C-alpha atoms as a PDB file:
ATOM      1  CA  MET A   1      -6.637  -6.842 -37.000  1.00  0.00           C
ATOM      2  CA  PRO A   2      -7.589  -7.927 -40.554  1.00  0.00           C
ATOM      3  CA  GLU A   3      -3.971  -8.513 -41.610  1.00  0.00           C
ATOM      4  CA  HIS A   4      -3.578 -11.082 -38.813  1.00  0.00           C
ATOM      5  CA  GLU A   5      -6.767 -13.019 -39.536  1.00  0.00           C
ATOM      6  CA  LEU A   6      -5.180 -15.739 -41.660  1.00  0.00           C
ATOM      7  CA  GLY A   7      -2.467 -16.323 -39.079  1.00  0.00           C
ATOM      8  CA  VAL A   8      -5.046 -16.593 -36.293  1.00  0.00           C
ATOM      9  CA  LEU A   9      -7.118 -19.092 -38.272  1.00  0.00           C
ATOM     10  CA  ALA A  10      -4.031 -21.195 -39.048  1.00  0.00           C
ATOM     11  CA  ALA A  11      -3.004 -21.229 -35.381  1.00  0.00           C
ATOM     12  CA  ARG A  12      -6.501 -22.236 -34.301  1.00  0.00           C
ATOM     13  CA  GLN A  13      -6.489 -25.106 -36.779  1.00  0.00           C
ATOM     14  CA  VAL A  14      -3.271 -26.484 -35.272  1.00  0.00           C
ATOM     15  CA  VAL A  15      -4.660 -26.148 -31.748  1.00  0.00           C
ATOM     16  CA  ASP A  16      -7.937 -27.811 -32.703  1.00  0.00           C
ATOM     17  CA  GLU A  17      -6.095 -30.788 -34.204  1.00  0.00           C
ATOM     18  CA  PHE A  18      -4.065 -31.332 -31.028  1.00  0.00           C
ATOM     19  CA  ALA A  19      -7.116 -30.816 -28.823  1.00  0.00           C
ATOM     20  CA  ALA A  20      -9.041 -33.517 -30.715  1.00  0.00           C
ATOM     21  CA  LYS A  21      -6.231 -36.018 -30.124  1.00  0.00           C
ATOM     22  CA  LEU A  22      -5.950 -35.173 -26.412  1.00  0.00           C
ATOM     23  CA  ASN A  23      -9.658 -34.697 -25.704  1.00  0.00           C
ATOM     24  CA  ALA A  24      -8.836 -31.166 -24.560  1.00  0.00           C
ATOM     25  CA  LYS A  25     -11.054 -28.111 -24.394  1.00  0.00           C
ATOM     26  CA  VAL A  26     -10.027 -25.036 -26.378  1.00  0.00           C
ATOM     27  CA  VAL A  27     -11.072 -21.560 -25.238  1.00  0.00           C
ATOM     28  CA  LYS A  28     -11.160 -19.038 -28.097  1.00  0.00           C
ATOM     29  CA  ARG A  29     -11.497 -15.303 -27.627  1.00  0.00           C
ATOM     30  CA  GLU A  30     -13.380 -13.055 -30.021  1.00  0.00           C
ATOM     31  CA  GLN A  31     -10.866 -10.264 -29.449  1.00  0.00           C
ATOM     32  CA  ASN A  32      -7.156 -10.098 -28.689  1.00  0.00           C
ATOM     33  CA  MET A  33      -6.930  -9.570 -24.933  1.00  0.00           C
ATOM     34  CA  GLY A  34      -3.202  -8.866 -24.990  1.00  0.00           C
ATOM     35  CA  LEU A  35      -0.452 -10.898 -23.359  1.00  0.00           C
ATOM     36  CA  ALA A  36      -1.006 -10.024 -19.702  1.00  0.00           C
ATOM     37  CA  ARG A  37      -4.779 -10.333 -19.509  1.00  0.00           C
ATOM     38  CA  SER A  38      -4.782 -13.529 -21.573  1.00  0.00           C
ATOM     39  CA  VAL A  39      -2.362 -15.247 -19.206  1.00  0.00           C
ATOM     40  CA  VAL A  40      -3.914 -13.926 -15.998  1.00  0.00           C
ATOM     41  CA  SER A  41      -7.479 -14.803 -16.990  1.00  0.00           C
ATOM     42  CA  GLY A  42      -6.454 -18.312 -18.050  1.00  0.00           C
ATOM     43  CA  VAL A  43      -4.386 -19.006 -14.930  1.00  0.00           C
ATOM     44  CA  THR A  44      -7.103 -17.613 -12.652  1.00  0.00           C
ATOM     45  CA  ASP A  45      -9.830 -19.680 -14.293  1.00  0.00           C
ATOM     46  CA  LEU A  46      -7.885 -22.954 -14.168  1.00  0.00           C
ATOM     47  CA  CYS A  47      -6.730 -22.409 -10.589  1.00  0.00           C
ATOM     48  CA  GLU A  48     -10.318 -21.809  -9.508  1.00  0.00           C
ATOM     49  CA  ARG A  49     -11.449 -24.961 -11.330  1.00  0.00           C
ATOM     50  CA  TYR A  50      -8.651 -27.374 -10.438  1.00  0.00           C
ATOM     51  CA  GLY A  51      -6.576 -25.772  -7.679  1.00  0.00           C
ATOM     52  CA  ARG A  52      -3.406 -25.800  -9.793  1.00  0.00           C
ATOM     53  CA  VAL A  53      -2.198 -24.987 -13.285  1.00  0.00           C
ATOM     54  CA  ILE A  54       0.745 -25.611 -15.636  1.00  0.00           C
ATOM     55  CA  VAL A  55       1.397 -22.664 -17.958  1.00  0.00           C
ATOM     56  CA  LEU A  56       3.041 -22.857 -21.392  1.00  0.00           C
ATOM     57  CA  GLU A  57       3.392 -20.601 -24.409  1.00  0.00           C
ATOM     58  CA  ASP A  58       3.573 -21.426 -28.087  1.00  0.00           C
ATOM     59  CA  ASP A  59       7.313 -20.779 -28.581  1.00  0.00           C
ATOM     60  CA  PHE A  60       8.582 -23.422 -26.123  1.00  0.00           C
ATOM     61  CA  ILE A  61      10.011 -26.859 -26.817  1.00  0.00           C
ATOM     62  CA  LEU A  62       9.769 -29.150 -23.806  1.00  0.00           C
ATOM     63  CA  HIS A  63      11.993 -31.921 -22.530  1.00  0.00           C
ATOM     64  CA  PRO A  64      10.036 -35.215 -22.328  1.00  0.00           C
ATOM     65  CA  PHE A  65      10.416 -35.138 -18.518  1.00  0.00           C
ATOM     66  CA  PHE A  66       8.877 -31.669 -18.181  1.00  0.00           C
ATOM     67  CA  LEU A  67       5.375 -32.812 -17.178  1.00  0.00           C
ATOM     68  CA  ASP A  68       6.740 -35.426 -14.771  1.00  0.00           C
ATOM     69  CA  PHE A  69       8.801 -32.764 -13.026  1.00  0.00           C
ATOM     70  CA  MET A  70       5.853 -30.383 -12.846  1.00  0.00           C
ATOM     71  CA  LEU A  71       3.364 -32.934 -11.510  1.00  0.00           C
ATOM     72  CA  GLN A  72       5.718 -34.388  -8.904  1.00  0.00           C
ATOM     73  CA  SER A  73       6.665 -30.905  -7.720  1.00  0.00           C
ATOM     74  CA  LEU A  74       3.058 -29.732  -7.563  1.00  0.00           C
ATOM     75  CA  ASP A  75       2.192 -32.737  -5.416  1.00  0.00           C
ATOM     76  CA  ARG A  76       5.236 -32.339  -3.166  1.00  0.00           C
ATOM     77  CA  TYR A  77       4.733 -28.667  -2.288  1.00  0.00           C
ATOM     78  CA  GLU A  78       0.960 -28.381  -2.654  1.00  0.00           C
ATOM     79  CA  ASN A  79       0.481 -27.349   0.975  1.00  0.00           C
ATOM     80  CA  ASP A  80       3.783 -25.552   1.561  1.00  0.00           C
ATOM     81  CA  ASP A  81       2.988 -21.856   1.784  1.00  0.00           C
ATOM     82  CA  GLN A  82       6.657 -20.904   1.305  1.00  0.00           C
ATOM     83  CA  VAL A  83       6.602 -22.135  -2.305  1.00  0.00           C
ATOM     84  CA  ALA A  84       4.712 -20.022  -4.843  1.00  0.00           C
ATOM     85  CA  GLN A  85       5.826 -21.495  -8.146  1.00  0.00           C
ATOM     86  CA  VAL A  86       7.461 -24.418  -9.926  1.00  0.00           C
ATOM     87  CA  ALA A  87       9.762 -23.464 -12.811  1.00  0.00           C
ATOM     88  CA  GLY A  88      10.538 -25.585 -15.854  1.00  0.00           C
ATOM     89  CA  TYR A  89      13.102 -23.213 -17.343  1.00  0.00           C
ATOM     90  CA  LEU A  90      16.577 -22.529 -15.943  1.00  0.00           C
ATOM     91  CA  PRO A  91      19.186 -20.128 -17.379  1.00  0.00           C
ATOM     92  CA  PRO A  92      22.545 -21.702 -18.361  1.00  0.00           C
ATOM     93  CA  ILE A  93      24.192 -21.647 -14.926  1.00  0.00           C
ATOM     94  CA  TYR A  94      24.518 -25.462 -14.653  1.00  0.00           C
ATOM     95  CA  PRO A  95      24.531 -25.719 -10.847  1.00  0.00           C
ATOM     96  CA  LYS A  96      26.551 -28.481  -9.217  1.00  0.00           C
ATOM     97  CA  ILE A  97      23.977 -29.844  -6.801  1.00  0.00           C
ATOM     98  CA  GLU A  98      23.177 -33.305  -5.512  1.00  0.00           C
ATOM     99  CA  THR A  99      19.406 -33.057  -5.940  1.00  0.00           C
ATOM    100  CA  ASP A 100      17.302 -32.646  -9.078  1.00  0.00           C
ATOM    101  CA  SER A 101      15.891 -29.338  -7.869  1.00  0.00           C
ATOM    102  CA  PHE A 102      16.573 -26.275  -5.727  1.00  0.00           C
ATOM    103  CA  PHE A 103      14.951 -23.010  -4.651  1.00  0.00           C
ATOM    104  CA  LEU A 104      15.440 -19.413  -5.773  1.00  0.00           C
ATOM    105  CA  PRO A 105      13.617 -16.216  -4.688  1.00  0.00           C
ATOM    106  CA  LEU A 106      12.766 -15.509  -8.322  1.00  0.00           C
ATOM    107  CA  THR A 107       9.770 -16.330 -10.512  1.00  0.00           C
ATOM    108  CA  THR A 108       9.811 -17.227 -14.196  1.00  0.00           C
ATOM    109  CA  SER A 109       7.360 -16.932 -17.084  1.00  0.00           C
ATOM    110  CA  CYS A 110       8.964 -19.621 -19.250  1.00  0.00           C
ATOM    111  CA  GLY A 111       7.117 -22.846 -18.510  1.00  0.00           C
ATOM    112  CA  TRP A 112       5.834 -22.859 -14.946  1.00  0.00           C
ATOM    113  CA  ALA A 113       3.169 -24.050 -12.545  1.00  0.00           C
ATOM    114  CA  THR A 114       1.424 -22.802  -9.431  1.00  0.00           C
ATOM    115  CA  TRP A 115      -1.446 -23.432  -7.044  1.00  0.00           C
ATOM    116  CA  GLN A 116      -4.605 -21.516  -6.245  1.00  0.00           C
ATOM    117  CA  ARG A 117      -3.302 -20.755  -2.732  1.00  0.00           C
ATOM    118  CA  ALA A 118      -0.252 -18.998  -4.238  1.00  0.00           C
ATOM    119  CA  TRP A 119      -1.960 -17.355  -7.213  1.00  0.00           C
ATOM    120  CA  LYS A 120      -4.233 -15.509  -4.785  1.00  0.00           C
ATOM    121  CA  LEU A 121      -1.223 -13.265  -4.184  1.00  0.00           C
ATOM    122  CA  PHE A 122      -1.394 -11.890  -7.732  1.00  0.00           C
ATOM    123  CA  SER A 123      -2.618  -8.319  -8.090  1.00  0.00           C
ATOM    124  CA  TRP A 124      -2.857  -5.870 -10.973  1.00  0.00           C
ATOM    125  CA  GLU A 125      -2.230  -2.963  -8.607  1.00  0.00           C
ATOM    126  CA  ILE A 126       1.443  -1.954  -8.520  1.00  0.00           C
ATOM    127  CA  ASP A 127       1.402   1.781  -7.752  1.00  0.00           C
ATOM    128  CA  SER A 128       2.014   0.988  -4.095  1.00  0.00           C
ATOM    129  CA  ALA A 129       5.012  -1.138  -5.090  1.00  0.00           C
ATOM    130  CA  LEU A 130       6.669   1.834  -6.752  1.00  0.00           C
ATOM    131  CA  GLN A 131       6.024   3.994  -3.702  1.00  0.00           C
ATOM    132  CA  ILE A 132       7.743   1.404  -1.531  1.00  0.00           C
ATOM    133  CA  LEU A 133      10.726   0.946  -3.858  1.00  0.00           C
ATOM    134  CA  ASP A 134      11.184   4.697  -4.362  1.00  0.00           C
ATOM    135  CA  THR A 135      11.607   5.206  -0.612  1.00  0.00           C
ATOM    136  CA  ASP A 136      13.327   1.961   0.392  1.00  0.00           C
ATOM    137  CA  LEU A 137      16.458   1.761  -1.751  1.00  0.00           C
ATOM    138  CA  GLN A 138      17.724  -1.357   0.012  1.00  0.00           C
ATOM    139  CA  MET A 139      14.529  -3.212  -0.847  1.00  0.00           C
ATOM    140  CA  ARG A 140      14.805  -2.014  -4.450  1.00  0.00           C
ATOM    141  CA  PHE A 141      18.387  -3.270  -4.575  1.00  0.00           C
ATOM    142  CA  HIS A 142      17.263  -6.738  -3.488  1.00  0.00           C
ATOM    143  CA  PHE A 143      14.242  -6.642  -5.820  1.00  0.00           C
ATOM    144  CA  ASP A 144      16.707  -5.960  -8.647  1.00  0.00           C
ATOM    145  CA  LEU A 145      18.686  -9.072  -7.661  1.00  0.00           C
ATOM    146  CA  ASP A 146      21.341  -6.988  -5.939  1.00  0.00           C
ATOM    147  CA  GLY A 147      21.663  -4.809  -9.017  1.00  0.00           C
ATOM    148  CA  ALA A 148      22.003  -7.695 -11.479  1.00  0.00           C
ATOM    149  CA  TYR A 149      18.695  -7.127 -13.263  1.00  0.00           C
ATOM    150  CA  HIS A 150      16.536  -3.994 -13.114  1.00  0.00           C
ATOM    151  CA  PHE A 151      13.095  -5.388 -12.356  1.00  0.00           C
ATOM    152  CA  SER A 152      12.148  -2.050 -10.819  1.00  0.00           C
ATOM    153  CA  ASP A 153      12.474  -0.385 -14.227  1.00  0.00           C
ATOM    154  CA  MET A 154      10.151  -2.974 -15.735  1.00  0.00           C
ATOM    155  CA  LEU A 155       7.704  -2.397 -12.900  1.00  0.00           C
ATOM    156  CA  ARG A 156       7.662   1.318 -13.683  1.00  0.00           C
ATOM    157  CA  LEU A 157       7.130   0.655 -17.389  1.00  0.00           C
ATOM    158  CA  ALA A 158       4.195  -1.602 -16.534  1.00  0.00           C
ATOM    159  CA  THR A 159       2.709   1.134 -14.357  1.00  0.00           C
ATOM    160  CA  ASP A 160       3.003   3.571 -17.255  1.00  0.00           C
ATOM    161  CA  SER A 161       1.363   0.983 -19.591  1.00  0.00           C
ATOM    162  CA  LYS A 162       4.523   0.850 -21.704  1.00  0.00           C
ATOM    163  CA  VAL A 163       4.861  -2.926 -21.351  1.00  0.00           C
ATOM    164  CA  ASP A 164       2.053  -5.484 -21.211  1.00  0.00           C
ATOM    165  CA  SER A 165       3.510  -7.619 -18.444  1.00  0.00           C
ATOM    166  CA  TRP A 166       1.775  -9.856 -15.920  1.00  0.00           C
ATOM    167  CA  GLY A 167       5.144 -11.390 -14.965  1.00  0.00           C
ATOM    168  CA  ILE A 168       6.582  -8.306 -13.271  1.00  0.00           C
ATOM    169  CA  ARG A 169       3.451  -8.032 -11.118  1.00  0.00           C
ATOM    170  CA  TRP A 170       3.778 -11.686 -10.115  1.00  0.00           C
ATOM    171  CA  ARG A 171       7.472 -11.147  -9.458  1.00  0.00           C
ATOM    172  CA  TRP A 172       6.741  -8.205  -7.160  1.00  0.00           C
ATOM    173  CA  ARG A 173       4.026  -9.961  -5.159  1.00  0.00           C
ATOM    174  CA  THR A 174       6.101 -13.090  -4.554  1.00  0.00           C
ATOM    175  CA  PHE A 175       9.144 -10.967  -3.681  1.00  0.00           C
ATOM    176  CA  TYR A 176       7.171  -8.807  -1.244  1.00  0.00           C
ATOM    177  CA  HIS A 177       5.730 -11.870   0.495  1.00  0.00           C
ATOM    178  CA  ARG A 178       9.105 -13.664   0.468  1.00  0.00           C
ATOM    179  CA  LYS A 179       8.026 -16.692  -1.532  1.00  0.00           C
ATOM    180  CA  LEU A 180      10.290 -19.146  -3.340  1.00  0.00           C
ATOM    181  CA  THR A 181      10.279 -20.920  -6.709  1.00  0.00           C
ATOM    182  CA  LEU A 182      11.428 -24.509  -7.216  1.00  0.00           C
ATOM    183  CA  TYR A 183      13.795 -24.914 -10.203  1.00  0.00           C
ATOM    184  CA  PRO A 184      15.119 -28.031 -11.986  1.00  0.00           C
ATOM    185  CA  ARG A 185      18.890 -28.626 -11.963  1.00  0.00           C
ATOM    186  CA  ARG A 186      18.827 -28.375 -15.781  1.00  0.00           C
ATOM    187  CA  SER A 187      16.382 -26.511 -17.969  1.00  0.00           C
ATOM    188  CA  LEU A 188      13.436 -28.550 -19.214  1.00  0.00           C
ATOM    189  CA  VAL A 189      12.291 -25.778 -21.559  1.00  0.00           C
ATOM    190  CA  TRP A 190      13.837 -24.324 -24.695  1.00  0.00           C
ATOM    191  CA  VAL A 191      12.633 -20.775 -25.367  1.00  0.00           C
ATOM    192  CA  GLY A 192      12.282 -19.579 -28.967  1.00  0.00           C
ATOM    193  CA  GLY A 193      10.242 -16.849 -30.603  1.00  0.00           C
ATOM    194  CA  PHE A 194      13.004 -14.258 -30.801  1.00  0.00           C
ATOM    195  CA  ASP A 195      13.081 -13.660 -34.549  1.00  0.00           C
ATOM    196  CA  ASN A 196      12.184 -10.378 -36.255  1.00  0.00           C
ATOM    197  CA  LEU A 197       8.466 -11.221 -36.077  1.00  0.00           C
ATOM    198  CA  ALA A 198       8.542 -11.256 -32.275  1.00  0.00           C
ATOM    199  CA  THR A 199       6.287  -8.764 -30.495  1.00  0.00           C
ATOM    200  CA  HIS A 200       8.337  -8.118 -27.355  1.00  0.00           C
ATOM    201  CA  THR A 201      11.954  -9.234 -27.901  1.00  0.00           C
ATOM    202  CA  LYS A 202      13.877  -9.258 -31.176  1.00  0.00           C
ATOM    203  CA  SER A 203      16.816 -11.578 -31.901  1.00  0.00           C
ATOM    204  CA  GLU A 204      19.446  -8.887 -31.355  1.00  0.00           C
ATOM    205  CA  GLU A 205      17.967  -8.090 -27.939  1.00  0.00           C
ATOM    206  CA  VAL A 206      17.831 -11.653 -26.609  1.00  0.00           C
ATOM    207  CA  PRO A 207      19.368 -11.791 -23.130  1.00  0.00           C
ATOM    208  CA  LYS A 208      22.274 -14.168 -22.648  1.00  0.00           C
ATOM    209  CA  PHE A 209      20.299 -16.312 -20.214  1.00  0.00           C
ATOM    210  CA  TYR A 210      18.014 -17.491 -23.064  1.00  0.00           C
ATOM    211  CA  ASP A 211      20.952 -18.621 -25.202  1.00  0.00           C
ATOM    212  CA  GLN A 212      20.852 -22.400 -24.760  1.00  0.00           C
ATOM    213  CA  PRO A 213      21.092 -24.883 -27.645  1.00  0.00           C
ATOM    214  CA  LEU A 214      18.036 -27.101 -27.939  1.00  0.00           C
ATOM    215  CA  ALA A 215      20.216 -30.204 -28.206  1.00  0.00           C
ATOM    216  CA  LEU A 216      21.844 -29.405 -24.862  1.00  0.00           C
ATOM    217  CA  ILE A 217      18.465 -29.261 -23.147  1.00  0.00           C
ATOM    218  CA  LEU A 218      17.088 -32.423 -24.743  1.00  0.00           C
ATOM    219  CA  GLU A 219      20.173 -34.532 -24.031  1.00  0.00           C
ATOM    220  CA  ASN A 220      19.579 -34.439 -20.273  1.00  0.00           C
ATOM    221  CA  ASN A 221      18.683 -37.947 -19.126  1.00  0.00           C
ATOM    222  CA  TRP A 222      15.764 -37.219 -16.801  1.00  0.00           C
ATOM    223  CA  LYS A 223      13.547 -40.079 -15.608  1.00  0.00           C
ATOM    224  CA  GLY A 224      11.937 -41.562 -12.516  1.00  0.00           C
ATOM    225  CA  SER A 225      11.315 -39.739  -9.268  1.00  0.00           C
ATOM    226  CA  VAL A 226      12.502 -36.181  -8.712  1.00  0.00           C
ATOM    227  CA  SER A 227      14.870 -35.679  -5.767  1.00  0.00           C
ATOM    228  CA  PHE A 228      13.940 -32.540  -3.853  1.00  0.00           C
ATOM    229  CA  PRO A 229      16.061 -30.360  -1.527  1.00  0.00           C
ATOM    230  CA  GLY A 230      15.960 -31.244   2.152  1.00  0.00           C
ATOM    231  CA  THR A 231      14.793 -27.776   3.215  1.00  0.00           C
ATOM    232  CA  VAL A 232      12.743 -25.013   1.614  1.00  0.00           C
ATOM    233  CA  GLN A 233      15.295 -22.227   1.384  1.00  0.00           C
ATOM    234  CA  THR A 234      17.267 -20.316  -1.241  1.00  0.00           C
ATOM    235  CA  ASP A 235      20.348 -22.040  -2.630  1.00  0.00           C
ATOM    236  CA  GLU A 236      22.681 -19.071  -2.160  1.00  0.00           C
ATOM    237  CA  ILE A 237      25.527 -20.536  -4.230  1.00  0.00           C
ATOM    238  CA  VAL A 238      23.292 -21.047  -7.261  1.00  0.00           C
ATOM    239  CA  PHE A 239      21.628 -17.679  -6.694  1.00  0.00           C
ATOM    240  CA  ASN A 240      25.001 -15.925  -6.819  1.00  0.00           C
ATOM    241  CA  ARG A 241      25.881 -17.737 -10.046  1.00  0.00           C
ATOM    242  CA  LEU A 242      22.627 -16.555 -11.586  1.00  0.00           C
ATOM    243  CA  LYS A 243      23.248 -12.950 -10.570  1.00  0.00           C
ATOM    244  CA  LYS A 244      26.741 -13.140 -12.058  1.00  0.00           C
ATOM    245  CA  LEU A 245      25.279 -14.353 -15.351  1.00  0.00           C
ATOM    246  CA  LEU A 246      22.694 -11.579 -15.431  1.00  0.00           C
ATOM    247  CA  ARG A 247      25.297  -8.872 -14.785  1.00  0.00           C
ATOM    248  CA  HIS A 248      27.064  -9.655 -18.073  1.00  0.00           C
ATOM    249  CA  LYS A 249      25.145  -7.682 -20.682  1.00  0.00           C
ATOM    250  CA  PRO A 250      25.734  -6.919 -24.410  1.00  0.00           C
ATOM    251  CA  PRO A 251      27.014  -3.339 -25.044  1.00  0.00           C
ATOM    252  CA  ARG A 252      23.616  -2.127 -26.315  1.00  0.00           C
ATOM    253  CA  VAL A 253      21.793  -3.514 -23.292  1.00  0.00           C
ATOM    254  CA  LEU A 254      24.521  -2.209 -20.966  1.00  0.00           C
ATOM    255  CA  LEU A 255      24.144   1.330 -22.353  1.00  0.00           C
ATOM    256  CA  ARG A 256      20.387   1.115 -21.917  1.00  0.00           C
ATOM    257  CA  SER A 257      20.875  -0.018 -18.311  1.00  0.00           C
ATOM    258  CA  VAL A 258      23.176   2.930 -17.571  1.00  0.00           C
ATOM    259  CA  ILE A 259      20.609   5.348 -18.982  1.00  0.00           C
ATOM    260  CA  HIS A 260      17.870   3.760 -16.877  1.00  0.00           C
ATOM    261  CA  ILE A 261      20.019   4.099 -13.748  1.00  0.00           C
ATOM    262  CA  LEU A 262      20.664   7.797 -14.411  1.00  0.00           C
ATOM    263  CA  ILE A 263      16.968   8.448 -15.009  1.00  0.00           C
ATOM    264  CA  ARG A 264      16.008   6.549 -11.866  1.00  0.00           C
ATOM    265  CA  TRP A 265      18.457   8.491  -9.683  1.00  0.00           C
ATOM    266  CA  ALA A 266      17.295  11.791 -11.207  1.00  0.00           C
ATOM    267  CA  LYS A 267      13.700  10.934 -10.279  1.00  0.00           C
ATOM    268  CA  TYR A 268      14.780   9.927  -6.790  1.00  0.00           C
ATOM    269  CA  PHE A 269      16.587  13.226  -6.124  1.00  0.00           C
ATOM    270  CA  LYS A 270      13.616  15.123  -7.568  1.00  0.00           C
ATOM    271  CA  HIS A 271      11.420  13.230  -5.094  1.00  0.00           C
ATOM    272  CA  LEU A 272      13.720  14.196  -2.195  1.00  0.00           C
ATOM    273  CA  ILE A 273      13.814  17.862  -3.189  1.00  0.00           C
ATOM    274  CA  ARG A 274      10.024  18.050  -3.596  1.00  0.00           C
ATOM    275  CA  ASN A 275       9.444  16.470  -0.192  1.00  0.00           C
ATOM    276  CA  SER A 276      11.912  18.816   1.505  1.00  0.00           C
ATOM    277  CA  PHE A 277       9.978  21.831   0.207  1.00  0.00           C
ATOM    278  CA  ILE A 278       6.671  20.331   1.325  1.00  0.00           C
ATOM    279  CA  ARG A 279       7.963  19.942   4.873  1.00  0.00           C
END
């Protein structure tokens, strides 16, 4: 769009300056591909070229140990089919664990890495996912983190082209195939970009799990070798703490969640009634 041209040129200038210092290659698109297709095309291309990828966005600030954590984790679990992703971001649950990392059955889009073997699971097609979740309420309950966060609503919005999300598709595919994500014991990523110029999330809508002071993230004294969990399995204690955090919502978000639940149940009963007449 013409009104965005100056901003695009300014952003490209910053990227070009960094690329020259790092001897990096910059890929520039002639048209705005949108969030989802930009991420998916970039991740797919790099995975095919190098077998792995580390994914960042422009509104992150990274802890100095971020790349060390990513690279060590990518090496450690390169051939472990149970692990689909390495996360750099962690919500403020501050788990009391003995190792530097742990596993959750939940993907993230805030500073992450994966391998070609895992990224092959990604698919744009999600109509079949909705058919499964509309008939298997127990699976939907687990997909929604036992009711803590309504991923199924986001999946439906993506199907209706109301949100431009690659992340919910990735979330569904890793959930369906029972894959795990490795997380750091403290967040190595600070997430910004929630002011009034944001495209997807405004400041008043920021979920509580993004509310972490930058100083708190940067003060973590990370260095040396990462200590990994002894087994590849979900840390249930940490997982329960995360679900508890996600259940606490601001009044506006809580009201929206209640409305979504009522709409979802109305559609479910409509589905049951229609099927009973068909039979």
